[in-house]
Every structure is written in C-alpha cells, then in structure tokens.
Amino acid sequence: MSGSETSYEVTALNHPYPQITFEKIDADTSAHLTGAIFEVYKKGDSQPLHRTNGAEVFTLSLAPGEYVLKEVEAPDGYKPAAD
C-alpha cells in the first residue's frame, strides 16, 4: 500500500437461541389454565429435555433443531392436547 490507511467496520450479530412460550388456555374464555404439564423432547429422543410444573406460562430457550411438545397432564375437567 502507498501509505494510505483503510479502515473497515464489521458488525457481528449475536442471535440468541429461539424461545418457545406455551400455556394451556380455555377455548371459550381464553383464560390461562393451571395444571397442564408439558414435556419438551428433542425429536427422536425418549427422555424429555424439560417438564413444566403446570402453574405458569412457560418460556424455554432451545438450540436450533427439531422438538416435540407433549401435554402429559391436563387440568381437571380438560383433555390433554393431541400429539
């Protein structure tokens, strides 16, 4: 180079893992239903990565990949969601 300086600005984006938020709601009233317990599985695995406690809306950060969400217990008076 002939004594001239060149500068570059580089921007790197940091994307956090995607998040999933889920809850069970009443179809008629849209009210949050406590007591629904969900398990999150990595597709093809038999052991859950996480199991919710049924008391709250739940948010989970997941690494890129394919997952399966199963409702294993429904609130009293309700049926579990179909797989």
PDB file of N, CA and C in Angstrom:
ATOM      1  N   MET A   1       0.841  -1.172   0.000  1.00  0.00           N
ATOM      2  CA  MET A   1       0.000   0.000   0.000  1.00  0.00           C
ATOM      3  C   MET A   1       0.885   1.234   0.000  1.00  0.00           C
ATOM      4  N   SER A   2       0.360   2.306  -0.457  1.00  0.00           N
ATOM      5  CA  SER A   2       1.166   3.513  -0.616  1.00  0.00           C
ATOM      6  C   SER A   2       0.960   4.505   0.521  1.00  0.00           C
ATOM      7  N   GLY A   3       0.978   4.019   1.727  1.00  0.00           N
ATOM      8  CA  GLY A   3       0.876   4.897   2.881  1.00  0.00           C
ATOM      9  C   GLY A   3      -0.543   5.302   3.252  1.00  0.00           C
ATOM     10  N   SER A   4      -1.526   4.931   2.484  1.00  0.00           N
ATOM     11  CA  SER A   4      -2.896   5.269   2.870  1.00  0.00           C
ATOM     12  C   SER A   4      -3.442   4.176   3.782  1.00  0.00           C
ATOM     13  N   GLU A   5      -4.271   4.575   4.709  1.00  0.00           N
ATOM     14  CA  GLU A   5      -4.871   3.618   5.623  1.00  0.00           C
ATOM     15  C   GLU A   5      -6.332   3.417   5.256  1.00  0.00           C
ATOM     16  N   THR A   6      -6.756   2.199   5.338  1.00  0.00           N
ATOM     17  CA  THR A   6      -8.150   1.881   5.093  1.00  0.00           C
ATOM     18  C   THR A   6      -8.700   1.234   6.343  1.00  0.00           C
ATOM     19  N   SER A   7      -9.862   1.690   6.781  1.00  0.00           N
ATOM     20  CA  SER A   7     -10.484   1.063   7.942  1.00  0.00           C
ATOM     21  C   SER A   7     -11.824   0.496   7.521  1.00  0.00           C
ATOM     22  N   TYR A   8     -12.207  -0.557   8.189  1.00  0.00           N
ATOM     23  CA  TYR A   8     -13.467  -1.237   7.920  1.00  0.00           C
ATOM     24  C   TYR A   8     -14.229  -1.380   9.213  1.00  0.00           C
ATOM     25  N   GLU A   9     -15.516  -1.249   9.126  1.00  0.00           N
ATOM     26  CA  GLU A   9     -16.365  -1.507  10.275  1.00  0.00           C
ATOM     27  C   GLU A   9     -17.062  -2.837  10.038  1.00  0.00           C
ATOM     28  N   VAL A  10     -16.947  -3.725  11.018  1.00  0.00           N
ATOM     29  CA  VAL A  10     -17.563  -5.043  10.918  1.00  0.00           C
ATOM     30  C   VAL A  10     -18.593  -5.169  12.037  1.00  0.00           C
ATOM     31  N   THR A  11     -19.785  -5.574  11.675  1.00  0.00           N
ATOM     32  CA  THR A  11     -20.837  -5.791  12.663  1.00  0.00           C
ATOM     33  C   THR A  11     -21.160  -7.274  12.699  1.00  0.00           C
ATOM     34  N   ALA A  12     -21.070  -7.872  13.875  1.00  0.00           N
ATOM     35  CA  ALA A  12     -21.423  -9.284  14.064  1.00  0.00           C
ATOM     36  C   ALA A  12     -22.707  -9.334  14.878  1.00  0.00           C
ATOM     37  N   LEU A  13     -23.685 -10.033  14.359  1.00  0.00           N
ATOM     38  CA  LEU A  13     -24.954 -10.158  15.061  1.00  0.00           C
ATOM     39  C   LEU A  13     -24.938 -11.400  15.936  1.00  0.00           C
ATOM     40  N   ASN A  14     -25.398 -11.236  17.146  1.00  0.00           N
ATOM     41  CA  ASN A  14     -25.468 -12.343  18.089  1.00  0.00           C
ATOM     42  C   ASN A  14     -26.933 -12.719  18.251  1.00  0.00           C
ATOM     43  N   HIS A  15     -27.343 -13.825  17.655  1.00  0.00           N
ATOM     44  CA  HIS A  15     -28.714 -14.274  17.754  1.00  0.00           C
ATOM     45  C   HIS A  15     -28.838 -15.281  18.890  1.00  0.00           C
ATOM     46  N   PRO A  16     -29.629 -14.954  19.913  1.00  0.00           N
ATOM     47  CA  PRO A  16     -29.823 -15.932  20.995  1.00  0.00           C
ATOM     48  C   PRO A  16     -30.617 -17.126  20.485  1.00  0.00           C
ATOM     49  N   TYR A  17     -30.577 -18.189  21.245  1.00  0.00           N
ATOM     50  CA  TYR A  17     -31.368 -19.360  20.880  1.00  0.00           C
ATOM     51  C   TYR A  17     -32.846 -18.972  20.791  1.00  0.00           C
ATOM     52  N   PRO A  18     -33.562 -19.574  19.874  1.00  0.00           N
ATOM     53  CA  PRO A  18     -35.002 -19.288  19.792  1.00  0.00           C
ATOM     54  C   PRO A  18     -35.699 -19.694  21.084  1.00  0.00           C
ATOM     55  N   GLN A  19     -36.782 -19.020  21.371  1.00  0.00           N
ATOM     56  CA  GLN A  19     -37.549 -19.336  22.570  1.00  0.00           C
ATOM     57  C   GLN A  19     -38.945 -19.790  22.176  1.00  0.00           C
ATOM     58  N   ILE A  20     -39.469 -20.690  22.987  1.00  0.00           N
ATOM     59  CA  ILE A  20     -40.845 -21.138  22.816  1.00  0.00           C
ATOM     60  C   ILE A  20     -41.577 -20.791  24.111  1.00  0.00           C
ATOM     61  N   THR A  21     -42.752 -20.229  23.960  1.00  0.00           N
ATOM     62  CA  THR A  21     -43.598 -19.909  25.102  1.00  0.00           C
ATOM     63  C   THR A  21     -44.909 -20.647  24.909  1.00  0.00           C
ATOM     64  N   PHE A  22     -45.373 -21.327  25.941  1.00  0.00           N
ATOM     65  CA  PHE A  22     -46.616 -22.067  25.801  1.00  0.00           C
ATOM     66  C   PHE A  22     -47.395 -22.084  27.101  1.00  0.00           C
ATOM     67  N   GLU A  23     -48.700 -22.269  26.946  1.00  0.00           N
ATOM     68  CA  GLU A  23     -49.622 -22.385  28.069  1.00  0.00           C
ATOM     69  C   GLU A  23     -50.881 -23.059  27.552  1.00  0.00           C
ATOM     70  N   LYS A  24     -51.682 -23.564  28.446  1.00  0.00           N
ATOM     71  CA  LYS A  24     -52.983 -24.128  28.075  1.00  0.00           C
ATOM     72  C   LYS A  24     -54.027 -23.072  28.395  1.00  0.00           C
ATOM     73  N   ILE A  25     -54.897 -22.800  27.415  1.00  0.00           N
ATOM     74  CA  ILE A  25     -55.947 -21.817  27.625  1.00  0.00           C
ATOM     75  C   ILE A  25     -57.307 -22.428  27.311  1.00  0.00           C
ATOM     76  N   ASP A  26     -58.331 -21.907  27.959  1.00  0.00           N
ATOM     77  CA  ASP A  26     -59.695 -22.343  27.708  1.00  0.00           C
ATOM     78  C   ASP A  26     -60.144 -21.797  26.355  1.00  0.00           C
ATOM     79  N   ALA A  27     -60.691 -22.655  25.509  1.00  0.00           N
ATOM     80  CA  ALA A  27     -61.099 -22.256  24.156  1.00  0.00           C
ATOM     81  C   ALA A  27     -62.224 -21.238  24.174  1.00  0.00           C
ATOM     82  N   ASP A  28     -63.069 -21.249  25.203  1.00  0.00           N
ATOM     83  CA  ASP A  28     -64.207 -20.329  25.258  1.00  0.00           C
ATOM     84  C   ASP A  28     -63.870 -18.995  25.919  1.00  0.00           C
ATOM     85  N   THR A  29     -63.058 -19.032  26.965  1.00  0.00           N
ATOM     86  CA  THR A  29     -62.801 -17.816  27.745  1.00  0.00           C
ATOM     87  C   THR A  29     -61.405 -17.236  27.540  1.00  0.00           C
ATOM     88  N   SER A  30     -60.505 -18.003  26.917  1.00  0.00           N
ATOM     89  CA  SER A  30     -59.087 -17.621  26.745  1.00  0.00           C
ATOM     90  C   SER A  30     -58.355 -17.474  28.074  1.00  0.00           C
ATOM     91  N   ALA A  31     -58.912 -18.014  29.139  1.00  0.00           N
ATOM     92  CA  ALA A  31     -58.275 -17.953  30.457  1.00  0.00           C
ATOM     93  C   ALA A  31     -57.143 -18.968  30.534  1.00  0.00           C
ATOM     94  N   HIS A  32     -56.043 -18.569  31.180  1.00  0.00           N
ATOM     95  CA  HIS A  32     -54.923 -19.478  31.429  1.00  0.00           C
ATOM     96  C   HIS A  32     -55.382 -20.564  32.382  1.00  0.00           C
ATOM     97  N   LEU A  33     -55.061 -21.811  32.073  1.00  0.00           N
ATOM     98  CA  LEU A  33     -55.453 -22.947  32.903  1.00  0.00           C
ATOM     99  C   LEU A  33     -54.231 -23.509  33.614  1.00  0.00           C
ATOM    100  N   THR A  34     -54.252 -23.487  34.932  1.00  0.00           N
ATOM    101  CA  THR A  34     -53.159 -24.102  35.677  1.00  0.00           C
ATOM    102  C   THR A  34     -53.381 -25.605  35.728  1.00  0.00           C
ATOM    103  N   GLY A  35     -52.311 -26.342  35.861  1.00  0.00           N
ATOM    104  CA  GLY A  35     -52.397 -27.791  35.977  1.00  0.00           C
ATOM    105  C   GLY A  35     -51.996 -28.548  34.725  1.00  0.00           C
ATOM    106  N   ALA A  36     -51.824 -27.844  33.600  1.00  0.00           N
ATOM    107  CA  ALA A  36     -51.358 -28.520  32.389  1.00  0.00           C
ATOM    108  C   ALA A  36     -49.850 -28.731  32.504  1.00  0.00           C
ATOM    109  N   ILE A  37     -49.414 -29.958  32.321  1.00  0.00           N
ATOM    110  CA  ILE A  37     -47.986 -30.267  32.397  1.00  0.00           C
ATOM    111  C   ILE A  37     -47.516 -30.717  31.018  1.00  0.00           C
ATOM    112  N   PHE A  38     -46.473 -30.050  30.535  1.00  0.00           N
ATOM    113  CA  PHE A  38     -45.908 -30.326  29.224  1.00  0.00           C
ATOM    114  C   PHE A  38     -44.495 -30.867  29.360  1.00  0.00           C
ATOM    115  N   GLU A  39     -44.108 -31.704  28.411  1.00  0.00           N
ATOM    116  CA  GLU A  39     -42.720 -32.156  28.293  1.00  0.00           C
ATOM    117  C   GLU A  39     -42.218 -31.770  26.912  1.00  0.00           C
ATOM    118  N   VAL A  40     -40.955 -31.345  26.865  1.00  0.00           N
ATOM    119  CA  VAL A  40     -40.311 -30.966  25.610  1.00  0.00           C
ATOM    120  C   VAL A  40     -39.225 -31.990  25.324  1.00  0.00           C
ATOM    121  N   TYR A  41     -39.293 -32.571  24.131  1.00  0.00           N
ATOM    122  CA  TYR A  41     -38.327 -33.589  23.704  1.00  0.00           C
ATOM    123  C   TYR A  41     -37.581 -33.107  22.472  1.00  0.00           C
ATOM    124  N   LYS A  42     -36.311 -33.428  22.378  1.00  0.00           N
ATOM    125  CA  LYS A  42     -35.608 -33.280  21.106  1.00  0.00           C
ATOM    126  C   LYS A  42     -36.138 -34.401  20.218  1.00  0.00           C
ATOM    127  N   LYS A  43     -36.469 -34.095  18.976  1.00  0.00           N
ATOM    128  CA  LYS A  43     -37.073 -35.090  18.084  1.00  0.00           C
ATOM    129  C   LYS A  43     -36.207 -36.346  18.028  1.00  0.00           C
ATOM    130  N   GLY A  44     -36.833 -37.499  18.246  1.00  0.00           N
ATOM    131  CA  GLY A  44     -36.141 -38.781  18.213  1.00  0.00           C
ATOM    132  C   GLY A  44     -35.648 -39.254  19.566  1.00  0.00           C
ATOM    133  N   ASP A  45     -35.642 -38.363  20.580  1.00  0.00           N
ATOM    134  CA  ASP A  45     -35.191 -38.750  21.925  1.00  0.00           C
ATOM    135  C   ASP A  45     -36.369 -39.269  22.744  1.00  0.00           C
ATOM    136  N   SER A  46     -36.079 -40.155  23.687  1.00  0.00           N
ATOM    137  CA  SER A  46     -37.147 -40.690  24.539  1.00  0.00           C
ATOM    138  C   SER A  46     -37.189 -40.015  25.909  1.00  0.00           C
ATOM    139  N   GLN A  47     -36.152 -39.280  26.269  1.00  0.00           N
ATOM    140  CA  GLN A  47     -36.116 -38.583  27.552  1.00  0.00           C
ATOM    141  C   GLN A  47     -36.405 -37.094  27.330  1.00  0.00           C
ATOM    142  N   PRO A  48     -37.318 -36.510  28.117  1.00  0.00           N
ATOM    143  CA  PRO A  48     -37.627 -35.087  27.931  1.00  0.00           C
ATOM    144  C   PRO A  48     -36.461 -34.195  28.332  1.00  0.00           C
ATOM    145  N   LEU A  49     -36.321 -33.075  27.616  1.00  0.00           N
ATOM    146  CA  LEU A  49     -35.336 -32.059  27.990  1.00  0.00           C
ATOM    147  C   LEU A  49     -35.840 -31.228  29.167  1.00  0.00           C
ATOM    148  N   HIS A  50     -37.154 -31.052  29.199  1.00  0.00           N
ATOM    149  CA  HIS A  50     -37.743 -30.257  30.276  1.00  0.00           C
ATOM    150  C   HIS A  50     -39.187 -30.682  30.507  1.00  0.00           C
ATOM    151  N   ARG A  51     -39.626 -30.514  31.754  1.00  0.00           N
ATOM    152  CA  ARG A  51     -41.013 -30.794  32.140  1.00  0.00           C
ATOM    153  C   ARG A  51     -41.509 -29.582  32.917  1.00  0.00           C
ATOM    154  N   THR A  52     -42.655 -29.024  32.517  1.00  0.00           N
ATOM    155  CA  THR A  52     -43.186 -27.855  33.212  1.00  0.00           C
ATOM    156  C   THR A  52     -43.880 -28.270  34.503  1.00  0.00           C
ATOM    157  N   ASN A  53     -44.173 -27.274  35.338  1.00  0.00           N
ATOM    158  CA  ASN A  53     -44.816 -27.575  36.622  1.00  0.00           C
ATOM    159  C   ASN A  53     -46.313 -27.329  36.610  1.00  0.00           C
ATOM    160  N   GLY A  54     -46.865 -26.833  35.528  1.00  0.00           N
ATOM    161  CA  GLY A  54     -48.304 -26.665  35.408  1.00  0.00           C
ATOM    162  C   GLY A  54     -48.873 -25.418  36.043  1.00  0.00           C
ATOM    163  N   ALA A  55     -48.043 -24.575  36.625  1.00  0.00           N
ATOM    164  CA  ALA A  55     -48.559 -23.427  37.352  1.00  0.00           C
ATOM    165  C   ALA A  55     -48.416 -22.104  36.618  1.00  0.00           C
ATOM    166  N   GLU A  56     -47.808 -22.098  35.452  1.00  0.00           N
ATOM    167  CA  GLU A  56     -47.487 -20.825  34.828  1.00  0.00           C
ATOM    168  C   GLU A  56     -47.340 -20.936  33.318  1.00  0.00           C
ATOM    169  N   VAL A  57     -47.295 -19.793  32.680  1.00  0.00           N
ATOM    170  CA  VAL A  57     -46.875 -19.727  31.282  1.00  0.00           C
ATOM    171  C   VAL A  57     -45.393 -20.033  31.301  1.00  0.00           C
ATOM    172  N   PHE A  58     -44.920 -20.809  30.352  1.00  0.00           N
ATOM    173  CA  PHE A  58     -43.537 -21.258  30.396  1.00  0.00           C
ATOM    174  C   PHE A  58     -42.792 -20.845  29.142  1.00  0.00           C
ATOM    175  N   THR A  59     -41.584 -20.332  29.309  1.00  0.00           N
ATOM    176  CA  THR A  59     -40.722 -19.959  28.191  1.00  0.00           C
ATOM    177  C   THR A  59     -39.423 -20.728  28.331  1.00  0.00           C
ATOM    178  N   LEU A  60     -38.990 -21.334  27.235  1.00  0.00           N
ATOM    179  CA  LEU A  60     -37.786 -22.161  27.228  1.00  0.00           C
ATOM    180  C   LEU A  60     -36.930 -21.783  26.032  1.00  0.00           C
ATOM    181  N   SER A  61     -35.636 -21.576  26.251  1.00  0.00           N
ATOM    182  CA  SER A  61     -34.702 -21.330  25.153  1.00  0.00           C
ATOM    183  C   SER A  61     -34.243 -22.661  24.590  1.00  0.00           C
ATOM    184  N   LEU A  62     -34.281 -22.784  23.279  1.00  0.00           N
ATOM    185  CA  LEU A  62     -33.919 -24.036  22.621  1.00  0.00           C
ATOM    186  C   LEU A  62     -32.852 -23.802  21.571  1.00  0.00           C
ATOM    187  N   ALA A  63     -31.864 -24.691  21.550  1.00  0.00           N
ATOM    188  CA  ALA A  63     -30.858 -24.651  20.494  1.00  0.00           C
ATOM    189  C   ALA A  63     -31.540 -25.010  19.174  1.00  0.00           C
ATOM    190  N   PRO A  64     -31.000 -24.576  18.050  1.00  0.00           N
ATOM    191  CA  PRO A  64     -31.607 -24.946  16.768  1.00  0.00           C
ATOM    192  C   PRO A  64     -31.780 -26.457  16.658  1.00  0.00           C
ATOM    193  N   GLY A  65     -32.888 -26.897  16.116  1.00  0.00           N
ATOM    194  CA  GLY A  65     -33.187 -28.313  15.969  1.00  0.00           C
ATOM    195  C   GLY A  65     -34.683 -28.542  15.909  1.00  0.00           C
ATOM    196  N   GLU A  66     -35.076 -29.799  15.911  1.00  0.00           N
ATOM    197  CA  GLU A  66     -36.490 -30.163  15.888  1.00  0.00           C
ATOM    198  C   GLU A  66     -36.878 -30.723  17.241  1.00  0.00           C
ATOM    199  N   TYR A  67     -38.045 -30.300  17.716  1.00  0.00           N
ATOM    200  CA  TYR A  67     -38.514 -30.669  19.041  1.00  0.00           C
ATOM    201  C   TYR A  67     -39.952 -31.141  18.985  1.00  0.00           C
ATOM    202  N   VAL A  68     -40.356 -31.868  20.026  1.00  0.00           N
ATOM    203  CA  VAL A  68     -41.721 -32.336  20.178  1.00  0.00           C
ATOM    204  C   VAL A  68     -42.218 -31.841  21.531  1.00  0.00           C
ATOM    205  N   LEU A  69     -43.427 -31.254  21.534  1.00  0.00           N
ATOM    206  CA  LEU A  69     -44.059 -30.790  22.759  1.00  0.00           C
ATOM    207  C   LEU A  69     -45.242 -31.696  23.041  1.00  0.00           C
ATOM    208  N   LYS A  70     -45.277 -32.294  24.230  1.00  0.00           N
ATOM    209  CA  LYS A  70     -46.362 -33.192  24.606  1.00  0.00           C
ATOM    210  C   LYS A  70     -47.006 -32.703  25.895  1.00  0.00           C
ATOM    211  N   GLU A  71     -48.335 -32.662  25.902  1.00  0.00           N
ATOM    212  CA  GLU A  71     -49.046 -32.391  27.140  1.00  0.00           C
ATOM    213  C   GLU A  71     -49.260 -33.736  27.821  1.00  0.00           C
ATOM    214  N   VAL A  72     -48.653 -33.929  28.977  1.00  0.00           N
ATOM    215  CA  VAL A  72     -48.722 -35.220  29.657  1.00  0.00           C
ATOM    216  C   VAL A  72     -49.791 -35.248  30.741  1.00  0.00           C
ATOM    217  N   GLU A  73     -50.224 -34.072  31.201  1.00  0.00           N
ATOM    218  CA  GLU A  73     -51.320 -33.985  32.161  1.00  0.00           C
ATOM    219  C   GLU A  73     -52.138 -32.747  31.839  1.00  0.00           C
ATOM    220  N   ALA A  74     -53.463 -32.920  31.803  1.00  0.00           N
ATOM    221  CA  ALA A  74     -54.368 -31.800  31.558  1.00  0.00           C
ATOM    222  C   ALA A  74     -54.947 -31.315  32.883  1.00  0.00           C
ATOM    223  N   PRO A  75     -55.371 -30.050  32.928  1.00  0.00           N
ATOM    224  CA  PRO A  75     -56.047 -29.561  34.138  1.00  0.00           C
ATOM    225  C   PRO A  75     -57.330 -30.348  34.389  1.00  0.00           C
ATOM    226  N   ASP A  76     -57.789 -30.349  35.614  1.00  0.00           N
ATOM    227  CA  ASP A  76     -59.051 -31.031  35.961  1.00  0.00           C
ATOM    228  C   ASP A  76     -60.176 -30.561  35.055  1.00  0.00           C
ATOM    229  N   GLY A  77     -60.922 -31.492  34.476  1.00  0.00           N
ATOM    230  CA  GLY A  77     -62.042 -31.177  33.619  1.00  0.00           C
ATOM    231  C   GLY A  77     -61.690 -30.964  32.161  1.00  0.00           C
ATOM    232  N   TYR A  78     -60.398 -31.108  31.797  1.00  0.00           N
ATOM    233  CA  TYR A  78     -59.950 -30.907  30.424  1.00  0.00           C
ATOM    234  C   TYR A  78     -59.232 -32.154  29.931  1.00  0.00           C
ATOM    235  N   LYS A  79     -59.126 -32.276  28.612  1.00  0.00           N
ATOM    236  CA  LYS A  79     -58.415 -33.387  27.994  1.00  0.00           C
ATOM    237  C   LYS A  79     -57.033 -32.914  27.548  1.00  0.00           C
ATOM    238  N   PRO A  80     -56.025 -33.810  27.582  1.00  0.00           N
ATOM    239  CA  PRO A  80     -54.710 -33.424  27.053  1.00  0.00           C
ATOM    240  C   PRO A  80     -54.796 -33.131  25.557  1.00  0.00           C
ATOM    241  N   ALA A  81     -53.956 -32.228  25.103  1.00  0.00           N
ATOM    242  CA  ALA A  81     -53.874 -31.921  23.673  1.00  0.00           C
ATOM    243  C   ALA A  81     -53.392 -33.156  22.930  1.00  0.00           C
ATOM    244  N   ALA A  82     -53.881 -33.345  21.715  1.00  0.00           N
ATOM    245  CA  ALA A  82     -53.453 -34.480  20.890  1.00  0.00           C
ATOM    246  C   ALA A  82     -52.002 -34.293  20.466  1.00  0.00           C
ATOM    247  N   ASP A  83     -51.285 -35.399  20.305  1.00  0.00           N
ATOM    248  CA  ASP A  83     -49.881 -35.330  19.838  1.00  0.00           C
ATOM    249  C   ASP A  83     -49.824 -34.831  18.417  1.00  0.00           C
TER     250      ASP A  83
END
